[in-house]
Amino acid sequence: MIGLLLAQPSSAEVFTYIDAQGNRVFTDQPKPGDAKRVPLATSNRMSSTASAAAHSTRKTEQKPLFHYDLLRILVPEPDATVRSTAGEIIVSITSEPGLQKGHRYRLLLDGQPTAEPGISPVFPLSNIDRGTHQLSVEVLDEQGQTVERTANQPFHMQRVSLAQKRKVKPCVLTDYGQRPECPLADKPAEEKSPFLRFF
């Protein structure tokens, strides 16, 4: 009964009196005689306008996520062909504005991280299998959450074998021991001059 009375609007009036059986009765109808008005506490309800304003204030207090205007891979260029005997490549990235405090770069090769995130925009990679691969880069915040990420960018790795190098540019005597594809062990024996037989 008391709960129902408290739920009524603050403008309503409540009266109380003792009935013939000695019970306390609450009503919104005044009864002549011993009925007394019950003072009601001010309602703590908030209007919908005030509630919306408070919600808007809380939203504006939240720190907006930082946004980079530019994040891309400079080297290699999209769809580039890289030729390397050891499958080596150096990846260079850039962002505008520059890397923010607490943020780190992470390079992904075929969707997998190549190393621990760091502040350096240069990533040397080695022993990349021949074929087509996908590169992308992420910027992570202090909690390790992704702030920005580029789309996948393809490149093609061509690992030239030593035999192919020798075929393109045959070894001459002065190349042995100087070029990797021309080891000293493969250097042919020098022919002796026929004029030396007489000495």
N, C-alpha and C. Protein backbone atom coordinates (compact mmCIF):
# COMPACT_ATOMS: atom_id res chain seq x y z
N MET A 1 0.83 -1.20 0.00
CA MET A 1 0.00 0.00 0.00
C MET A 1 0.86 1.25 0.00
N ILE A 2 1.88 1.25 0.87
CA ILE A 2 2.78 2.41 0.95
C ILE A 2 3.52 2.59 -0.35
N GLY A 3 3.93 1.45 -0.97
CA GLY A 3 4.63 1.52 -2.25
C GLY A 3 3.77 2.14 -3.32
N LEU A 4 2.49 1.81 -3.34
CA LEU A 4 1.58 2.38 -4.33
C LEU A 4 1.43 3.87 -4.13
N LEU A 5 1.40 4.27 -2.87
CA LEU A 5 1.26 5.69 -2.56
C LEU A 5 2.48 6.47 -3.01
N LEU A 6 3.67 5.89 -2.80
CA LEU A 6 4.90 6.58 -3.18
C LEU A 6 5.05 6.65 -4.69
N ALA A 7 4.45 5.71 -5.41
CA ALA A 7 4.57 5.70 -6.87
C ALA A 7 3.66 6.72 -7.52
N GLN A 8 2.73 7.32 -6.76
CA GLN A 8 1.80 8.28 -7.34
C GLN A 8 2.52 9.59 -7.62
N PRO A 9 2.02 10.38 -8.57
CA PRO A 9 2.64 11.66 -8.89
C PRO A 9 2.69 12.54 -7.66
N SER A 10 3.67 13.47 -7.66
CA SER A 10 3.87 14.32 -6.49
C SER A 10 2.73 15.30 -6.30
N SER A 11 1.93 15.53 -7.36
CA SER A 11 0.83 16.49 -7.26
C SER A 11 -0.38 15.89 -6.53
N ALA A 12 -0.47 14.54 -6.39
CA ALA A 12 -1.63 13.91 -5.74
C ALA A 12 -1.54 14.10 -4.23
N GLU A 13 -2.69 14.13 -3.54
CA GLU A 13 -2.74 14.26 -2.09
C GLU A 13 -3.15 12.92 -1.49
N VAL A 14 -2.56 12.59 -0.36
CA VAL A 14 -2.85 11.33 0.33
C VAL A 14 -3.32 11.67 1.75
N PHE A 15 -4.36 10.96 2.19
CA PHE A 15 -4.92 11.17 3.53
C PHE A 15 -4.89 9.83 4.27
N THR A 16 -4.84 9.91 5.59
CA THR A 16 -4.84 8.71 6.43
C THR A 16 -5.76 8.91 7.62
N TYR A 17 -6.33 7.77 8.06
CA TYR A 17 -7.18 7.81 9.25
C TYR A 17 -7.28 6.39 9.81
N ILE A 18 -7.83 6.25 11.02
CA ILE A 18 -8.03 4.97 11.70
C ILE A 18 -9.49 4.59 11.52
N ASP A 19 -9.73 3.37 10.94
CA ASP A 19 -11.13 2.96 10.73
C ASP A 19 -11.72 2.39 12.02
N ALA A 20 -12.95 1.89 11.91
CA ALA A 20 -13.67 1.40 13.10
C ALA A 20 -13.01 0.19 13.73
N GLN A 21 -12.26 -0.60 12.92
CA GLN A 21 -11.59 -1.79 13.44
C GLN A 21 -10.18 -1.48 13.98
N GLY A 22 -9.79 -0.24 13.93
CA GLY A 22 -8.49 0.17 14.46
C GLY A 22 -7.36 0.04 13.46
N ASN A 23 -7.66 -0.12 12.15
CA ASN A 23 -6.62 -0.23 11.12
C ASN A 23 -6.31 1.14 10.52
N ARG A 24 -5.03 1.32 10.20
CA ARG A 24 -4.60 2.54 9.55
C ARG A 24 -4.98 2.44 8.07
N VAL A 25 -5.68 3.45 7.55
CA VAL A 25 -6.14 3.46 6.17
C VAL A 25 -5.53 4.66 5.45
N PHE A 26 -5.05 4.42 4.22
CA PHE A 26 -4.52 5.49 3.36
C PHE A 26 -5.44 5.64 2.17
N THR A 27 -5.76 6.86 1.78
CA THR A 27 -6.66 7.10 0.67
C THR A 27 -6.37 8.45 0.04
N ASP A 28 -6.83 8.59 -1.23
CA ASP A 28 -6.64 9.88 -1.89
C ASP A 28 -7.89 10.75 -1.77
N GLN A 29 -8.92 10.24 -1.03
CA GLN A 29 -10.16 10.97 -0.82
C GLN A 29 -10.19 11.51 0.61
N PRO A 30 -10.32 12.79 0.76
CA PRO A 30 -10.39 13.33 2.14
C PRO A 30 -11.66 12.86 2.85
N LYS A 31 -11.53 12.48 4.10
CA LYS A 31 -12.68 12.01 4.89
C LYS A 31 -12.93 13.04 5.99
N PRO A 32 -14.11 13.49 6.06
CA PRO A 32 -14.41 14.48 7.11
C PRO A 32 -14.15 13.88 8.48
N GLY A 33 -13.58 14.67 9.32
CA GLY A 33 -13.36 14.20 10.67
C GLY A 33 -11.88 14.09 10.98
N ASP A 34 -11.43 12.86 11.26
CA ASP A 34 -10.06 12.68 11.73
C ASP A 34 -9.05 12.35 10.62
N ALA A 35 -9.38 12.43 9.34
CA ALA A 35 -8.42 12.16 8.27
C ALA A 35 -7.34 13.24 8.24
N LYS A 36 -6.10 12.81 8.13
CA LYS A 36 -4.98 13.75 8.12
C LYS A 36 -4.24 13.63 6.78
N ARG A 37 -3.77 14.73 6.32
CA ARG A 37 -3.00 14.75 5.08
C ARG A 37 -1.60 14.19 5.34
N VAL A 38 -1.12 13.30 4.42
CA VAL A 38 0.22 12.70 4.54
C VAL A 38 1.19 13.48 3.65
N PRO A 39 2.24 14.04 4.24
CA PRO A 39 3.22 14.77 3.40
C PRO A 39 4.02 13.76 2.57
N LEU A 40 4.17 14.04 1.26
CA LEU A 40 4.90 13.14 0.36
C LEU A 40 6.25 13.76 -0.02
N ALA A 41 7.24 12.89 -0.14
CA ALA A 41 8.58 13.36 -0.55
C ALA A 41 8.54 13.75 -2.02
N THR A 42 9.40 14.68 -2.38
CA THR A 42 9.49 15.12 -3.78
C THR A 42 9.95 13.97 -4.66
N SER A 43 9.34 13.80 -5.79
CA SER A 43 9.70 12.70 -6.69
C SER A 43 11.11 12.88 -7.22
N ASN A 44 11.87 11.75 -7.38
CA ASN A 44 13.23 11.82 -7.92
C ASN A 44 13.27 11.42 -9.39
N ARG A 45 12.12 11.49 -10.05
CA ARG A 45 12.07 11.15 -11.46
C ARG A 45 12.76 12.23 -12.29
N MET A 46 13.36 11.80 -13.40
CA MET A 46 14.04 12.73 -14.29
C MET A 46 13.28 12.77 -15.60
N SER A 47 13.08 13.95 -16.11
CA SER A 47 12.36 14.08 -17.37
C SER A 47 13.17 13.46 -18.50
N SER A 48 12.51 13.08 -19.58
CA SER A 48 13.19 12.47 -20.72
C SER A 48 14.20 13.43 -21.33
N THR A 49 13.90 14.72 -21.32
CA THR A 49 14.83 15.72 -21.87
C THR A 49 16.11 15.78 -21.06
N ALA A 50 15.96 15.79 -19.72
CA ALA A 50 17.13 15.83 -18.85
C ALA A 50 17.94 14.56 -18.99
N SER A 51 17.26 13.39 -19.11
CA SER A 51 17.96 12.11 -19.27
C SER A 51 18.77 12.08 -20.55
N ALA A 52 18.19 12.58 -21.64
CA ALA A 52 18.90 12.61 -22.92
C ALA A 52 20.11 13.53 -22.84
N ALA A 53 19.97 14.66 -22.14
CA ALA A 53 21.09 15.60 -22.01
C ALA A 53 22.24 14.97 -21.23
N ALA A 54 21.90 14.23 -20.15
CA ALA A 54 22.94 13.57 -19.35
C ALA A 54 23.65 12.52 -20.16
N HIS A 55 22.89 11.74 -20.96
CA HIS A 55 23.49 10.71 -21.80
C HIS A 55 24.42 11.33 -22.84
N SER A 56 24.00 12.45 -23.41
CA SER A 56 24.82 13.14 -24.40
C SER A 56 26.11 13.64 -23.78
N THR A 57 26.03 14.13 -22.53
CA THR A 57 27.23 14.63 -21.84
C THR A 57 28.22 13.50 -21.61
N ARG A 58 27.70 12.31 -21.21
CA ARG A 58 28.60 11.18 -20.98
C ARG A 58 29.30 10.77 -22.27
N LYS A 59 28.58 10.83 -23.40
CA LYS A 59 29.17 10.44 -24.67
C LYS A 59 30.27 11.39 -25.09
N THR A 60 30.05 12.70 -24.84
CA THR A 60 31.06 13.67 -25.24
C THR A 60 32.30 13.58 -24.36
N GLU A 61 32.12 13.04 -23.13
CA GLU A 61 33.28 12.92 -22.25
C GLU A 61 34.18 11.77 -22.66
N GLN A 62 33.68 10.79 -23.44
CA GLN A 62 34.51 9.67 -23.87
C GLN A 62 35.53 10.15 -24.89
N LYS A 63 36.76 9.68 -24.74
CA LYS A 63 37.84 10.09 -25.62
C LYS A 63 37.65 9.45 -27.00
N PRO A 64 37.59 10.25 -28.06
CA PRO A 64 37.41 9.68 -29.39
C PRO A 64 38.64 8.90 -29.84
N LEU A 65 38.43 7.86 -30.67
CA LEU A 65 39.53 7.07 -31.18
C LEU A 65 40.37 7.90 -32.15
N PHE A 66 41.70 7.73 -32.08
CA PHE A 66 42.59 8.48 -32.97
C PHE A 66 42.50 7.88 -34.37
N HIS A 67 42.58 8.73 -35.37
CA HIS A 67 42.47 8.29 -36.75
C HIS A 67 43.66 8.82 -37.55
N TYR A 68 44.33 7.91 -38.28
CA TYR A 68 45.43 8.30 -39.16
C TYR A 68 44.88 8.66 -40.53
N ASP A 69 45.34 9.79 -41.06
CA ASP A 69 44.89 10.21 -42.39
C ASP A 69 45.46 9.32 -43.48
N LEU A 70 46.66 8.77 -43.23
CA LEU A 70 47.32 7.94 -44.24
C LEU A 70 48.13 6.84 -43.55
N LEU A 71 48.01 5.63 -44.06
CA LEU A 71 48.82 4.50 -43.62
C LEU A 71 49.01 3.60 -44.82
N ARG A 72 50.26 3.45 -45.29
CA ARG A 72 50.46 2.62 -46.47
C ARG A 72 51.88 2.07 -46.52
N ILE A 73 52.05 1.06 -47.39
CA ILE A 73 53.35 0.44 -47.61
C ILE A 73 54.01 1.14 -48.79
N LEU A 74 55.22 1.68 -48.55
CA LEU A 74 55.96 2.37 -49.61
C LEU A 74 56.72 1.39 -50.49
N VAL A 75 57.43 0.45 -49.84
CA VAL A 75 58.26 -0.53 -50.55
C VAL A 75 57.96 -1.90 -49.97
N PRO A 76 57.67 -2.88 -50.83
CA PRO A 76 57.60 -2.82 -52.29
C PRO A 76 56.29 -2.18 -52.76
N GLU A 77 56.29 -1.72 -53.99
CA GLU A 77 55.07 -1.16 -54.55
C GLU A 77 54.05 -2.27 -54.81
N PRO A 78 52.78 -1.92 -54.91
CA PRO A 78 51.77 -2.95 -55.16
C PRO A 78 52.06 -3.75 -56.43
N ASP A 79 51.95 -5.05 -56.32
CA ASP A 79 52.14 -5.98 -57.45
C ASP A 79 53.58 -6.00 -57.96
N ALA A 80 54.53 -5.61 -57.10
CA ALA A 80 55.94 -5.58 -57.51
C ALA A 80 56.51 -6.99 -57.57
N THR A 81 57.53 -7.17 -58.41
CA THR A 81 58.26 -8.43 -58.50
C THR A 81 59.63 -8.23 -57.87
N VAL A 82 59.94 -9.07 -56.90
CA VAL A 82 61.21 -8.98 -56.17
C VAL A 82 62.04 -10.20 -56.54
N ARG A 83 63.28 -9.96 -56.95
CA ARG A 83 64.18 -11.06 -57.30
C ARG A 83 65.29 -11.14 -56.27
N SER A 84 65.39 -12.26 -55.62
CA SER A 84 66.39 -12.45 -54.57
C SER A 84 66.70 -13.92 -54.43
N THR A 85 67.99 -14.24 -54.45
CA THR A 85 68.41 -15.63 -54.27
C THR A 85 68.02 -16.16 -52.91
N ALA A 86 68.16 -15.32 -51.87
CA ALA A 86 67.86 -15.75 -50.50
C ALA A 86 66.43 -15.40 -50.09
N GLY A 87 65.61 -14.90 -51.00
CA GLY A 87 64.24 -14.54 -50.66
C GLY A 87 64.17 -13.37 -49.70
N GLU A 88 65.07 -12.38 -49.88
CA GLU A 88 65.12 -11.25 -48.97
C GLU A 88 64.37 -10.05 -49.54
N ILE A 89 63.76 -9.27 -48.64
CA ILE A 89 63.04 -8.07 -49.02
C ILE A 89 63.01 -7.13 -47.83
N ILE A 90 63.08 -5.83 -48.10
CA ILE A 90 62.95 -4.81 -47.05
C ILE A 90 61.65 -4.08 -47.29
N VAL A 91 60.76 -4.09 -46.29
CA VAL A 91 59.45 -3.45 -46.37
C VAL A 91 59.52 -2.12 -45.63
N SER A 92 59.07 -1.06 -46.29
CA SER A 92 59.07 0.27 -45.69
C SER A 92 57.64 0.80 -45.68
N ILE A 93 57.22 1.38 -44.54
CA ILE A 93 55.86 1.89 -44.42
C ILE A 93 55.89 3.35 -43.97
N THR A 94 54.76 4.04 -44.12
CA THR A 94 54.65 5.43 -43.70
C THR A 94 53.24 5.70 -43.20
N SER A 95 53.11 6.73 -42.36
CA SER A 95 51.80 7.13 -41.85
C SER A 95 51.78 8.64 -41.69
N GLU A 96 50.59 9.20 -41.84
CA GLU A 96 50.37 10.63 -41.60
C GLU A 96 49.12 10.79 -40.75
N PRO A 97 49.23 11.48 -39.61
CA PRO A 97 50.47 11.99 -39.03
C PRO A 97 51.39 10.85 -38.61
N GLY A 98 52.56 11.20 -38.11
CA GLY A 98 53.51 10.17 -37.69
C GLY A 98 52.97 9.32 -36.55
N LEU A 99 53.68 8.25 -36.27
CA LEU A 99 53.25 7.32 -35.23
C LEU A 99 53.06 8.05 -33.89
N GLN A 100 51.89 7.89 -33.30
CA GLN A 100 51.56 8.57 -32.04
C GLN A 100 52.19 7.86 -30.85
N LYS A 101 52.32 8.60 -29.75
CA LYS A 101 52.92 8.05 -28.53
C LYS A 101 52.13 6.84 -28.06
N GLY A 102 52.83 5.76 -27.78
CA GLY A 102 52.20 4.53 -27.32
C GLY A 102 51.74 3.61 -28.43
N HIS A 103 51.74 4.09 -29.69
CA HIS A 103 51.33 3.27 -30.82
C HIS A 103 52.54 2.54 -31.41
N ARG A 104 52.27 1.41 -32.10
CA ARG A 104 53.34 0.61 -32.70
C ARG A 104 52.87 0.06 -34.05
N TYR A 105 53.85 -0.15 -34.92
CA TYR A 105 53.57 -0.78 -36.22
C TYR A 105 53.69 -2.30 -36.08
N ARG A 106 52.86 -3.02 -36.85
CA ARG A 106 53.01 -4.48 -36.95
C ARG A 106 52.79 -4.87 -38.41
N LEU A 107 53.78 -5.57 -38.97
CA LEU A 107 53.71 -6.00 -40.36
C LEU A 107 53.17 -7.42 -40.43
N LEU A 108 52.24 -7.64 -41.37
CA LEU A 108 51.65 -8.96 -41.58
C LEU A 108 52.04 -9.47 -42.96
N LEU A 109 52.51 -10.71 -43.02
CA LEU A 109 52.81 -11.39 -44.28
C LEU A 109 51.84 -12.55 -44.42
N ASP A 110 51.02 -12.49 -45.45
CA ASP A 110 49.98 -13.51 -45.66
C ASP A 110 49.11 -13.67 -44.42
N GLY A 111 48.81 -12.53 -43.75
CA GLY A 111 47.92 -12.53 -42.59
C GLY A 111 48.57 -12.87 -41.27
N GLN A 112 49.88 -13.17 -41.27
CA GLN A 112 50.57 -13.55 -40.04
C GLN A 112 51.62 -12.50 -39.68
N PRO A 113 51.74 -12.14 -38.37
CA PRO A 113 52.76 -11.16 -37.96
C PRO A 113 54.16 -11.66 -38.30
N THR A 114 54.99 -10.75 -38.80
CA THR A 114 56.37 -11.11 -39.15
C THR A 114 57.32 -10.93 -37.97
N ALA A 115 56.95 -10.10 -37.00
CA ALA A 115 57.80 -9.84 -35.83
C ALA A 115 56.96 -9.14 -34.77
N GLU A 116 57.58 -8.87 -33.62
CA GLU A 116 56.89 -8.14 -32.56
C GLU A 116 56.62 -6.71 -33.03
N PRO A 117 55.49 -6.12 -32.62
CA PRO A 117 55.22 -4.73 -32.99
C PRO A 117 56.31 -3.79 -32.49
N GLY A 118 56.59 -2.75 -33.27
CA GLY A 118 57.62 -1.80 -32.88
C GLY A 118 57.38 -0.43 -33.50
N ILE A 119 58.28 0.50 -33.20
CA ILE A 119 58.12 1.87 -33.69
C ILE A 119 58.85 2.09 -35.01
N SER A 120 59.68 1.14 -35.44
CA SER A 120 60.42 1.31 -36.68
C SER A 120 59.51 1.08 -37.89
N PRO A 121 59.60 1.97 -38.90
CA PRO A 121 58.78 1.80 -40.11
C PRO A 121 59.45 0.91 -41.16
N VAL A 122 60.56 0.26 -40.80
CA VAL A 122 61.30 -0.58 -41.75
C VAL A 122 61.35 -2.01 -41.21
N PHE A 123 60.99 -2.96 -42.08
CA PHE A 123 60.96 -4.38 -41.69
C PHE A 123 61.76 -5.20 -42.68
N PRO A 124 62.95 -5.71 -42.30
CA PRO A 124 63.69 -6.61 -43.19
C PRO A 124 63.17 -8.04 -43.06
N LEU A 125 62.88 -8.66 -44.19
CA LEU A 125 62.40 -10.04 -44.21
C LEU A 125 63.36 -10.89 -45.02
N SER A 126 63.46 -12.16 -44.68
CA SER A 126 64.35 -13.06 -45.41
C SER A 126 63.70 -14.43 -45.55
N ASN A 127 64.25 -15.20 -46.48
CA ASN A 127 63.80 -16.57 -46.74
C ASN A 127 62.31 -16.64 -47.07
N ILE A 128 61.84 -15.68 -47.85
CA ILE A 128 60.46 -15.69 -48.32
C ILE A 128 60.34 -16.68 -49.48
N ASP A 129 59.38 -17.56 -49.41
CA ASP A 129 59.20 -18.55 -50.47
C ASP A 129 58.87 -17.86 -51.79
N ARG A 130 59.29 -18.49 -52.89
CA ARG A 130 58.94 -17.93 -54.19
C ARG A 130 57.43 -18.03 -54.40
N GLY A 131 56.91 -17.07 -55.15
CA GLY A 131 55.47 -17.03 -55.39
C GLY A 131 54.88 -15.69 -54.99
N THR A 132 53.55 -15.60 -55.02
CA THR A 132 52.83 -14.37 -54.71
C THR A 132 52.46 -14.35 -53.22
N HIS A 133 52.70 -13.20 -52.60
CA HIS A 133 52.41 -13.02 -51.17
C HIS A 133 51.62 -11.74 -50.96
N GLN A 134 51.01 -11.63 -49.76
CA GLN A 134 50.22 -10.45 -49.40
C GLN A 134 50.85 -9.77 -48.18
N LEU A 135 51.02 -8.45 -48.28
CA LEU A 135 51.54 -7.65 -47.17
C LEU A 135 50.45 -6.70 -46.68
N SER A 136 50.41 -6.48 -45.37
CA SER A 136 49.56 -5.44 -44.79
C SER A 136 50.23 -4.96 -43.51
N VAL A 137 49.86 -3.77 -43.07
CA VAL A 137 50.45 -3.21 -41.85
C VAL A 137 49.35 -2.69 -40.95
N GLU A 138 49.56 -2.85 -39.64
CA GLU A 138 48.61 -2.39 -38.64
C GLU A 138 49.29 -1.38 -37.72
N VAL A 139 48.48 -0.51 -37.13
CA VAL A 139 48.93 0.34 -36.03
C VAL A 139 48.17 -0.11 -34.79
N LEU A 140 48.91 -0.46 -33.74
CA LEU A 140 48.32 -0.92 -32.49
C LEU A 140 48.46 0.15 -31.41
N ASP A 141 47.47 0.22 -30.50
CA ASP A 141 47.56 1.17 -29.39
C ASP A 141 48.19 0.52 -28.17
N GLU A 142 48.14 1.23 -27.03
CA GLU A 142 48.80 0.73 -25.81
C GLU A 142 48.21 -0.59 -25.34
N GLN A 143 46.94 -0.84 -25.62
CA GLN A 143 46.29 -2.09 -25.19
C GLN A 143 46.40 -3.20 -26.23
N GLY A 144 47.12 -2.93 -27.32
CA GLY A 144 47.25 -3.94 -28.37
C GLY A 144 46.07 -4.00 -29.31
N GLN A 145 45.18 -3.00 -29.23
CA GLN A 145 44.03 -2.95 -30.11
C GLN A 145 44.41 -2.30 -31.44
N THR A 146 43.82 -2.77 -32.53
CA THR A 146 44.12 -2.24 -33.85
C THR A 146 43.45 -0.88 -34.04
N VAL A 147 44.28 0.14 -34.32
CA VAL A 147 43.78 1.49 -34.57
C VAL A 147 43.52 1.68 -36.06
N GLU A 148 44.49 1.25 -36.89
CA GLU A 148 44.36 1.34 -38.35
C GLU A 148 44.97 0.08 -38.96
N ARG A 149 44.50 -0.28 -40.17
CA ARG A 149 45.07 -1.41 -40.90
C ARG A 149 44.90 -1.17 -42.39
N THR A 150 45.94 -1.48 -43.15
CA THR A 150 45.86 -1.32 -44.59
C THR A 150 45.23 -2.57 -45.22
N ALA A 151 44.80 -2.41 -46.45
CA ALA A 151 44.33 -3.57 -47.21
C ALA A 151 45.54 -4.41 -47.61
N ASN A 152 45.29 -5.67 -47.97
CA ASN A 152 46.37 -6.54 -48.43
C ASN A 152 46.97 -6.01 -49.73
N GLN A 153 48.29 -6.03 -49.80
CA GLN A 153 49.01 -5.55 -50.98
C GLN A 153 49.89 -6.68 -51.52
N PRO A 154 49.67 -7.12 -52.76
CA PRO A 154 50.42 -8.27 -53.27
C PRO A 154 51.81 -7.90 -53.78
N PHE A 155 52.72 -8.86 -53.67
CA PHE A 155 54.03 -8.77 -54.34
C PHE A 155 54.43 -10.19 -54.74
N HIS A 156 55.38 -10.28 -55.67
CA HIS A 156 55.78 -11.57 -56.21
C HIS A 156 57.28 -11.79 -55.96
N MET A 157 57.60 -12.90 -55.31
CA MET A 157 58.99 -13.22 -55.01
C MET A 157 59.52 -14.21 -56.03
N GLN A 158 60.63 -13.84 -56.67
CA GLN A 158 61.33 -14.73 -57.59
C GLN A 158 62.70 -15.02 -57.00
N ARG A 159 62.90 -16.25 -56.60
CA ARG A 159 64.20 -16.65 -56.05
C ARG A 159 65.02 -17.28 -57.16
N VAL A 160 66.03 -16.56 -57.60
CA VAL A 160 66.87 -17.00 -58.70
C VAL A 160 67.93 -17.95 -58.15
N SER A 161 68.03 -19.14 -58.73
CA SER A 161 69.03 -20.10 -58.28
C SER A 161 70.40 -19.71 -58.82
N LEU A 162 71.45 -20.26 -58.19
CA LEU A 162 72.82 -20.00 -58.65
C LEU A 162 73.02 -20.51 -60.07
N ALA A 163 72.40 -21.65 -60.37
CA ALA A 163 72.53 -22.21 -61.72
C ALA A 163 71.92 -21.26 -62.74
N GLN A 164 70.77 -20.66 -62.38
CA GLN A 164 70.14 -19.71 -63.30
C GLN A 164 71.01 -18.47 -63.48
N LYS A 165 71.66 -18.03 -62.40
CA LYS A 165 72.54 -16.88 -62.51
C LYS A 165 73.72 -17.18 -63.43
N ARG A 166 74.29 -18.38 -63.28
CA ARG A 166 75.42 -18.74 -64.15
C ARG A 166 74.99 -18.83 -65.60
N LYS A 167 73.73 -19.27 -65.80
CA LYS A 167 73.23 -19.39 -67.17
C LYS A 167 73.06 -18.01 -67.81
N VAL A 168 72.55 -17.06 -67.00
CA VAL A 168 72.36 -15.71 -67.52
C VAL A 168 73.70 -15.03 -67.77
N LYS A 169 74.62 -15.20 -66.82
CA LYS A 169 75.95 -14.60 -66.96
C LYS A 169 76.99 -15.65 -66.62
N PRO A 170 77.53 -16.31 -67.63
CA PRO A 170 78.51 -17.38 -67.38
C PRO A 170 79.73 -16.86 -66.62
N CYS A 171 80.32 -17.77 -65.84
CA CYS A 171 81.51 -17.42 -65.05
C CYS A 171 82.75 -17.40 -65.94
N VAL A 172 83.56 -16.40 -65.71
CA VAL A 172 84.90 -16.35 -66.32
C VAL A 172 85.91 -16.55 -65.20
N LEU A 173 87.18 -16.76 -65.57
CA LEU A 173 88.19 -17.09 -64.56
C LEU A 173 88.26 -16.07 -63.43
N THR A 174 88.09 -14.80 -63.75
CA THR A 174 88.20 -13.77 -62.71
C THR A 174 86.98 -13.71 -61.79
N ASP A 175 85.88 -14.41 -62.17
CA ASP A 175 84.67 -14.40 -61.35
C ASP A 175 84.71 -15.40 -60.21
N TYR A 176 85.54 -16.45 -60.33
CA TYR A 176 85.57 -17.50 -59.32
C TYR A 176 86.12 -16.95 -58.00
N GLY A 177 85.34 -17.18 -56.96
CA GLY A 177 85.71 -16.65 -55.65
C GLY A 177 85.20 -15.24 -55.43
N GLN A 178 84.64 -14.63 -56.46
CA GLN A 178 84.12 -13.27 -56.37
C GLN A 178 82.59 -13.23 -56.41
N ARG A 179 82.01 -14.08 -57.22
CA ARG A 179 80.55 -14.15 -57.32
C ARG A 179 80.06 -15.41 -56.62
N PRO A 180 78.94 -15.33 -55.87
CA PRO A 180 78.45 -16.52 -55.15
C PRO A 180 78.18 -17.70 -56.06
N GLU A 181 77.73 -17.41 -57.26
CA GLU A 181 77.44 -18.51 -58.19
C GLU A 181 78.69 -19.05 -58.87
N CYS A 182 79.86 -18.49 -58.54
CA CYS A 182 81.12 -18.94 -59.12
C CYS A 182 82.11 -19.27 -58.01
N PRO A 183 81.89 -20.37 -57.26
CA PRO A 183 82.79 -20.70 -56.15
C PRO A 183 84.15 -21.17 -56.67
N LEU A 184 85.17 -20.98 -55.82
CA LEU A 184 86.53 -21.38 -56.20
C LEU A 184 86.62 -22.87 -56.49
N ALA A 185 85.80 -23.67 -55.79
CA ALA A 185 85.84 -25.12 -55.98
C ALA A 185 85.49 -25.50 -57.41
N ASP A 186 84.72 -24.65 -58.11
CA ASP A 186 84.31 -24.95 -59.48
C ASP A 186 85.26 -24.34 -60.52
N LYS A 187 86.30 -23.66 -60.04
CA LYS A 187 87.21 -23.00 -60.98
C LYS A 187 87.97 -24.05 -61.78
N PRO A 188 87.90 -23.99 -63.11
CA PRO A 188 88.62 -24.99 -63.91
C PRO A 188 90.14 -24.79 -63.81
N ALA A 189 90.86 -25.89 -63.99
CA ALA A 189 92.32 -25.80 -63.94
C ALA A 189 92.82 -25.00 -65.14
N GLU A 190 93.81 -24.16 -64.88
CA GLU A 190 94.36 -23.34 -65.96
C GLU A 190 95.26 -24.22 -66.84
N GLU A 191 95.07 -24.07 -68.12
CA GLU A 191 95.90 -24.83 -69.07
C GLU A 191 97.30 -24.24 -69.12
N LYS A 192 98.31 -25.15 -69.11
CA LYS A 192 99.69 -24.69 -69.18
C LYS A 192 100.04 -24.33 -70.63
N SER A 193 100.80 -23.32 -70.76
CA SER A 193 101.21 -22.88 -72.09
C SER A 193 102.15 -23.92 -72.70
N PRO A 194 101.96 -24.32 -73.99
CA PRO A 194 102.83 -25.30 -74.63
C PRO A 194 104.28 -24.85 -74.70
N PHE A 195 104.53 -23.54 -74.62
CA PHE A 195 105.91 -23.05 -74.68
C PHE A 195 106.69 -23.32 -73.42
N LEU A 196 105.93 -23.61 -72.28
CA LEU A 196 106.62 -23.85 -71.02
C LEU A 196 107.25 -25.26 -70.99
N ARG A 197 106.89 -26.16 -71.93
CA ARG A 197 107.43 -27.51 -71.91
C ARG A 197 108.94 -27.51 -72.18
N PHE A 198 109.42 -26.49 -72.89
CA PHE A 198 110.82 -26.47 -73.27
C PHE A 198 111.70 -25.84 -72.20
N PHE A 199 111.11 -25.41 -71.08
CA PHE A 199 111.93 -24.80 -70.03
C PHE A 199 111.99 -25.69 -68.82
